Amino acid sequence: MRKKLGLIVNPVAGMGGRVGLKGTDGSDIFAKALELGAKPGSPARTVEALRTINRSGSKFDMVTYPREMGEDEAREAGLEARVVGEIVSGETSAEDTKRAAREILAEGVDLILLAGGDGTIGDVIESIDTRVPLLGIPCGVKLQSAVFANTPDRAGDVAVRFLRDGLPLREAEVVDIDENSYREGRLSAKIKGYALIPYEPAMIQGTKHGSASFESEDQKAIARWVVELMEKGRIYVLGPGTTTRAVTEELGIRDSTLLGVDLLLDHKLLAWDVNER
């Protein structure tokens, strides 16, 4: 009997990150992201993962949800999929994700491939717990959970290896950050539960943890090295995290963002908490 792959896509995952909103949880934030010109990124990432599966030549039965929640992406990647459930296109929500998980689980799938972020994973395990293995295609902003492949194409690779060759399973933490605190520069995360994932440590990220105090000297050393290499007249883009914040602290800059993206020019802060544009 052929293996069966489930596919769920959260079409709005990650949109807030491109416009500096650090997430897209909640209808008000989603509306703000659209107002700022955000475009969906998860459909393209899903297609990338599915094309990797298609190129493998492996044959699986696929079950997915309508339109932008999987059907469209499967078709674009050249894969056939049976569609279950119903949605109102353009108005999908967390409830659609939860319902999709339950209905696709009922189809007897061997693995659910899930495109989204930590919030999407949390919605799915709320519905199905550990009754079927999950694998995340990375599309969100925060991605703290140990459920995501490192890249979309690696998600496709792991899915193929699990369904075709077999991989061991392990429990992985599902962690989600409070987005409101996140936007205010405070990191507040909690474990939402656990998911069963195919075990391939070279291709799947581990759970993100805050930096321990003993790492601070290493961070300072890295920061000093980075500052020494900075060239005059060149703009430097600093991503989020305590290691990159150590660079601004080494320069005596106190207004940088812990959880956003900043720009530096000639050892000074050029722009703070910028968006993609």
Protein backbone atom coordinates (compact mmCIF):
# COMPACT_ATOMS: atom_id res chain seq x y z
CA MET A 1 0.00 0.00 0.00
CA ARG A 2 1.32 3.44 -0.93
CA LYS A 3 2.16 5.88 1.84
CA LYS A 4 -0.14 8.84 2.31
CA LEU A 5 1.05 12.43 2.84
CA GLY A 6 -1.14 15.15 4.30
CA LEU A 7 -0.53 18.81 3.43
CA ILE A 8 -1.74 21.91 5.28
CA VAL A 9 -0.72 25.46 4.36
CA ASN A 10 -1.25 28.52 6.51
CA PRO A 11 -1.35 31.06 3.67
CA VAL A 12 -0.68 34.10 5.89
CA ALA A 13 2.22 32.72 7.96
CA GLY A 14 5.23 35.03 8.08
CA MET A 15 3.58 38.00 6.37
CA GLY A 16 4.07 40.25 9.39
CA GLY A 17 7.83 39.73 9.48
CA ARG A 18 8.43 41.33 6.10
CA VAL A 19 6.88 44.59 7.27
CA GLY A 20 8.44 44.63 10.73
CA LEU A 21 5.43 43.33 12.69
CA LYS A 22 7.25 40.21 14.04
CA GLY A 23 4.35 37.87 13.37
CA THR A 24 0.84 37.66 11.95
CA ASP A 25 -1.15 36.23 14.85
CA GLY A 26 -4.56 37.90 15.18
CA SER A 27 -6.89 39.45 12.61
CA ASP A 28 -5.89 43.02 13.53
CA ILE A 29 -2.19 42.33 12.93
CA PHE A 30 -2.99 40.55 9.67
CA ALA A 31 -4.98 43.60 8.52
CA LYS A 32 -2.06 45.84 9.47
CA ALA A 33 0.35 43.63 7.52
CA LEU A 34 -1.84 43.92 4.43
CA GLU A 35 -2.05 47.69 4.90
CA LEU A 36 1.76 47.85 4.94
CA GLY A 37 1.96 45.90 1.70
CA ALA A 38 2.88 42.43 2.99
CA LYS A 39 2.59 39.55 0.53
CA PRO A 40 2.12 35.86 1.36
CA GLY A 41 5.37 33.91 1.48
CA SER A 42 4.22 30.47 2.58
CA PRO A 43 2.71 29.40 -0.79
CA ALA A 44 6.07 29.76 -2.59
CA ARG A 45 7.93 27.98 0.22
CA THR A 46 5.41 25.15 0.10
CA VAL A 47 5.80 24.80 -3.66
CA GLU A 48 9.59 24.63 -3.19
CA ALA A 49 9.20 21.74 -0.72
CA LEU A 50 6.69 19.94 -2.94
CA ARG A 51 8.86 20.27 -6.04
CA THR A 52 11.65 18.54 -4.12
CA ILE A 53 9.21 15.70 -3.42
CA ASN A 54 8.16 15.60 -7.07
CA ARG A 55 11.77 15.49 -8.30
CA SER A 56 12.48 12.50 -6.06
CA GLY A 57 10.28 10.35 -8.28
CA SER A 58 8.70 8.75 -5.21
CA LYS A 59 4.99 8.05 -5.45
CA PHE A 60 2.74 8.96 -2.53
CA ASP A 61 -0.96 9.62 -2.21
CA MET A 62 -1.56 13.19 -1.06
CA VAL A 63 -4.50 14.63 0.87
CA THR A 64 -4.85 18.37 1.33
CA TYR A 65 -7.26 21.23 2.00
CA PRO A 66 -8.87 23.50 -0.61
CA ARG A 67 -7.35 26.38 -2.55
CA GLU A 68 -4.58 28.35 -0.79
CA MET A 69 -4.44 25.86 2.09
CA GLY A 70 -2.70 23.24 -0.07
CA GLU A 71 -4.62 22.49 -3.27
CA ASP A 72 -3.12 25.41 -5.23
CA GLU A 73 0.43 24.69 -4.07
CA ALA A 74 0.22 20.99 -4.94
CA ARG A 75 -1.05 21.79 -8.42
CA GLU A 76 1.72 24.36 -9.01
CA ALA A 77 4.34 21.80 -7.96
CA GLY A 78 2.92 19.28 -10.44
CA LEU A 79 1.49 16.91 -7.83
CA GLU A 80 -1.95 15.38 -7.68
CA ALA A 81 -3.82 15.63 -4.39
CA ARG A 82 -7.23 14.65 -3.11
CA VAL A 83 -8.97 17.65 -1.56
CA VAL A 84 -11.11 17.37 1.56
CA GLY A 85 -12.98 19.97 3.61
CA GLU A 86 -14.17 23.48 2.80
CA ILE A 87 -12.84 27.01 3.33
CA VAL A 88 -13.83 30.56 2.46
CA SER A 89 -10.94 31.53 0.21
CA GLY A 90 -9.14 34.68 1.37
CA GLU A 91 -10.57 34.46 4.87
CA THR A 92 -8.77 31.49 6.43
CA SER A 93 -8.14 31.38 10.17
CA ALA A 94 -6.66 29.25 12.94
CA GLU A 95 -9.97 27.38 13.12
CA ASP A 96 -9.53 26.31 9.50
CA THR A 97 -6.07 24.97 10.35
CA LYS A 98 -7.42 22.99 13.32
CA ARG A 99 -10.28 21.57 11.26
CA ALA A 100 -7.91 20.68 8.41
CA ALA A 101 -5.70 18.76 10.83
CA ARG A 102 -8.63 16.73 12.15
CA GLU A 103 -10.06 15.95 8.72
CA ILE A 104 -6.71 15.06 7.15
CA LEU A 105 -5.85 12.85 10.15
CA ALA A 106 -9.13 10.99 9.54
CA GLU A 107 -7.86 10.11 6.05
CA GLY A 108 -5.20 7.86 7.57
CA VAL A 109 -2.15 9.86 6.50
CA ASP A 110 1.34 8.72 7.52
CA LEU A 111 2.76 12.25 7.82
CA ILE A 112 1.39 15.80 7.79
CA LEU A 113 3.56 18.38 6.04
CA LEU A 114 2.67 21.74 7.52
CA ALA A 115 3.62 25.15 6.12
CA GLY A 116 3.49 27.86 8.76
CA GLY A 117 5.07 29.09 11.97
CA ASP A 118 5.00 28.20 15.65
CA GLY A 119 1.40 29.34 16.01
CA THR A 120 0.32 27.10 13.14
CA ILE A 121 2.05 24.09 14.70
CA GLY A 122 0.40 24.90 18.03
CA ASP A 123 -3.04 24.96 16.38
CA VAL A 124 -2.44 21.56 14.81
CA ILE A 125 -1.25 19.76 17.94
CA GLU A 126 -4.22 21.24 19.81
CA SER A 127 -6.41 19.27 17.39
CA ILE A 128 -4.51 16.04 16.89
CA ASP A 129 -1.83 15.87 19.62
CA THR A 130 0.76 13.21 18.64
CA ARG A 131 -1.53 10.88 16.70
CA VAL A 132 0.39 11.40 13.45
CA PRO A 133 3.94 12.65 12.74
CA LEU A 134 4.34 16.29 11.70
CA LEU A 135 7.00 18.12 9.71
CA GLY A 136 7.12 21.90 9.36
CA ILE A 137 8.00 23.88 6.24
CA PRO A 138 9.54 27.06 7.74
CA CYS A 139 7.34 30.04 6.89
CA GLY A 140 6.76 31.97 10.13
CA VAL A 141 8.67 34.81 11.76
CA LYS A 142 9.65 33.30 15.11
CA LEU A 143 10.22 29.57 14.54
CA GLN A 144 11.24 28.48 18.03
CA SER A 145 9.89 24.92 17.76
CA ALA A 146 11.93 21.83 16.95
CA VAL A 147 9.44 20.76 14.28
CA PHE A 148 10.73 22.70 11.27
CA ALA A 149 13.14 21.62 8.59
CA ASN A 150 15.99 24.07 8.09
CA THR A 151 14.76 25.04 4.62
CA PRO A 152 11.73 24.23 2.43
CA ASP A 153 13.69 21.92 0.15
CA ARG A 154 14.99 20.01 3.17
CA ALA A 155 11.40 19.62 4.36
CA GLY A 156 10.73 17.89 1.05
CA ASP A 157 13.82 15.72 1.46
CA VAL A 158 12.91 14.62 4.98
CA ALA A 159 9.31 13.88 3.96
CA VAL A 160 10.54 11.63 1.14
CA ARG A 161 13.06 9.82 3.33
CA PHE A 162 10.47 9.22 6.04
CA LEU A 163 7.75 7.93 3.72
CA ARG A 164 9.99 5.98 1.34
CA ASP A 165 12.86 4.70 3.48
CA GLY A 166 11.67 5.15 7.04
CA LEU A 167 13.16 7.43 9.70
CA PRO A 168 12.85 7.07 13.47
CA LEU A 169 10.36 9.31 15.28
CA ARG A 170 10.97 11.48 18.30
CA GLU A 171 8.97 13.93 20.40
CA ALA A 172 9.82 17.58 19.77
CA GLU A 173 8.86 20.65 21.76
CA VAL A 174 6.36 23.06 20.24
CA VAL A 175 7.23 26.52 21.57
CA ASP A 176 5.40 29.76 20.83
CA ILE A 177 6.31 33.35 21.62
CA ASP A 178 3.79 35.90 22.84
CA GLU A 179 3.73 38.25 19.86
CA ASN A 180 2.57 41.32 21.80
CA SER A 181 5.54 41.02 24.15
CA TYR A 182 7.76 40.26 21.17
CA ARG A 183 6.80 43.54 19.47
CA GLU A 184 7.67 45.40 22.67
CA GLY A 185 11.15 43.87 22.71
CA ARG A 186 10.47 41.27 25.41
CA LEU A 187 10.93 37.56 24.77
CA SER A 188 8.15 35.56 26.45
CA ALA A 189 7.87 31.97 25.25
CA LYS A 190 6.07 28.90 26.51
CA ILE A 191 5.85 25.24 25.56
CA LYS A 192 2.52 24.56 23.87
CA GLY A 193 2.99 20.81 23.73
CA TYR A 194 4.87 18.13 21.82
CA ALA A 195 4.76 16.80 18.27
CA LEU A 196 6.05 13.56 16.78
CA ILE A 197 8.58 14.34 14.05
CA PRO A 198 10.83 12.31 11.74
CA TYR A 199 14.27 12.31 13.34
CA GLU A 200 16.86 13.77 10.98
CA PRO A 201 18.95 16.19 13.08
CA ALA A 202 21.06 17.43 10.17
CA MET A 203 17.97 18.78 8.41
CA ILE A 204 15.64 19.80 11.24
CA GLN A 205 16.28 22.68 13.63
CA GLY A 206 16.47 22.23 17.37
CA THR A 207 14.37 24.09 19.92
CA LYS A 208 15.53 27.69 20.28
CA HIS A 209 16.57 28.72 23.78
CA GLY A 210 17.64 32.03 25.26
CA SER A 211 21.38 32.49 25.59
CA ALA A 212 22.81 31.31 28.90
CA SER A 213 24.88 33.69 30.98
CA PHE A 214 28.10 31.75 30.34
CA GLU A 215 27.77 32.62 26.63
CA SER A 216 28.02 36.37 27.22
CA GLU A 217 31.84 36.44 27.05
CA ASP A 218 31.73 34.55 23.76
CA GLN A 219 29.20 37.06 22.45
CA LYS A 220 31.44 39.96 23.46
CA ALA A 221 34.40 38.36 21.71
CA ILE A 222 32.36 37.83 18.55
CA ALA A 223 31.13 41.43 18.74
CA ARG A 224 34.67 42.84 19.05
CA TRP A 225 35.76 40.79 16.03
CA VAL A 226 32.77 41.97 13.94
CA VAL A 227 33.36 45.63 14.86
CA GLU A 228 37.03 45.34 13.87
CA LEU A 229 35.99 44.10 10.43
CA MET A 230 33.43 46.87 9.79
CA GLU A 231 34.36 49.08 6.84
CA LYS A 232 33.67 52.80 6.55
CA GLY A 233 30.83 53.69 4.19
CA ARG A 234 29.30 50.21 4.25
CA ILE A 235 25.79 49.57 5.62
CA TYR A 236 25.48 46.57 7.96
CA VAL A 237 22.19 44.77 8.56
CA LEU A 238 21.82 43.32 12.07
CA GLY A 239 19.20 40.65 12.61
CA PRO A 240 17.50 39.82 15.93
CA GLY A 241 19.12 38.12 18.89
CA THR A 242 21.45 38.63 21.82
CA THR A 243 24.59 37.89 19.78
CA THR A 244 23.89 40.66 17.29
CA ARG A 245 22.85 42.99 20.12
CA ALA A 246 26.34 42.50 21.55
CA VAL A 247 27.67 44.22 18.42
CA THR A 248 25.67 47.37 19.08
CA GLU A 249 26.65 47.28 22.75
CA GLU A 250 30.31 47.09 21.71
CA LEU A 251 29.71 50.25 19.65
CA GLY A 252 28.01 51.99 22.57
CA ILE A 253 24.62 52.02 20.81
CA ARG A 254 21.79 51.65 23.34
CA ASP A 255 18.73 52.05 21.10
CA SER A 256 19.02 48.85 19.04
CA THR A 257 16.24 46.25 18.80
CA LEU A 258 16.64 42.86 20.42
CA LEU A 259 13.95 41.24 18.26
CA GLY A 260 13.95 43.35 15.12
CA VAL A 261 16.33 44.34 12.31
CA ASP A 262 18.60 47.41 12.56
CA LEU A 263 20.96 49.12 10.11
CA LEU A 264 24.40 50.44 11.00
CA LEU A 265 26.62 52.85 9.08
CA ASP A 266 30.06 54.08 10.19
CA HIS A 267 29.61 52.61 13.69
CA LYS A 268 26.33 54.50 14.18
CA LEU A 269 22.67 53.49 14.10
CA LEU A 270 21.29 54.37 10.68
CA ALA A 271 17.78 52.93 11.05
CA TRP A 272 15.98 51.10 13.85
CA ASP A 273 13.54 48.17 13.68
CA VAL A 274 13.20 48.30 9.90
CA ASN A 275 10.86 46.32 7.66
CA GLU A 276 11.64 44.59 4.37
CA ARG A 277 11.06 47.69 2.27
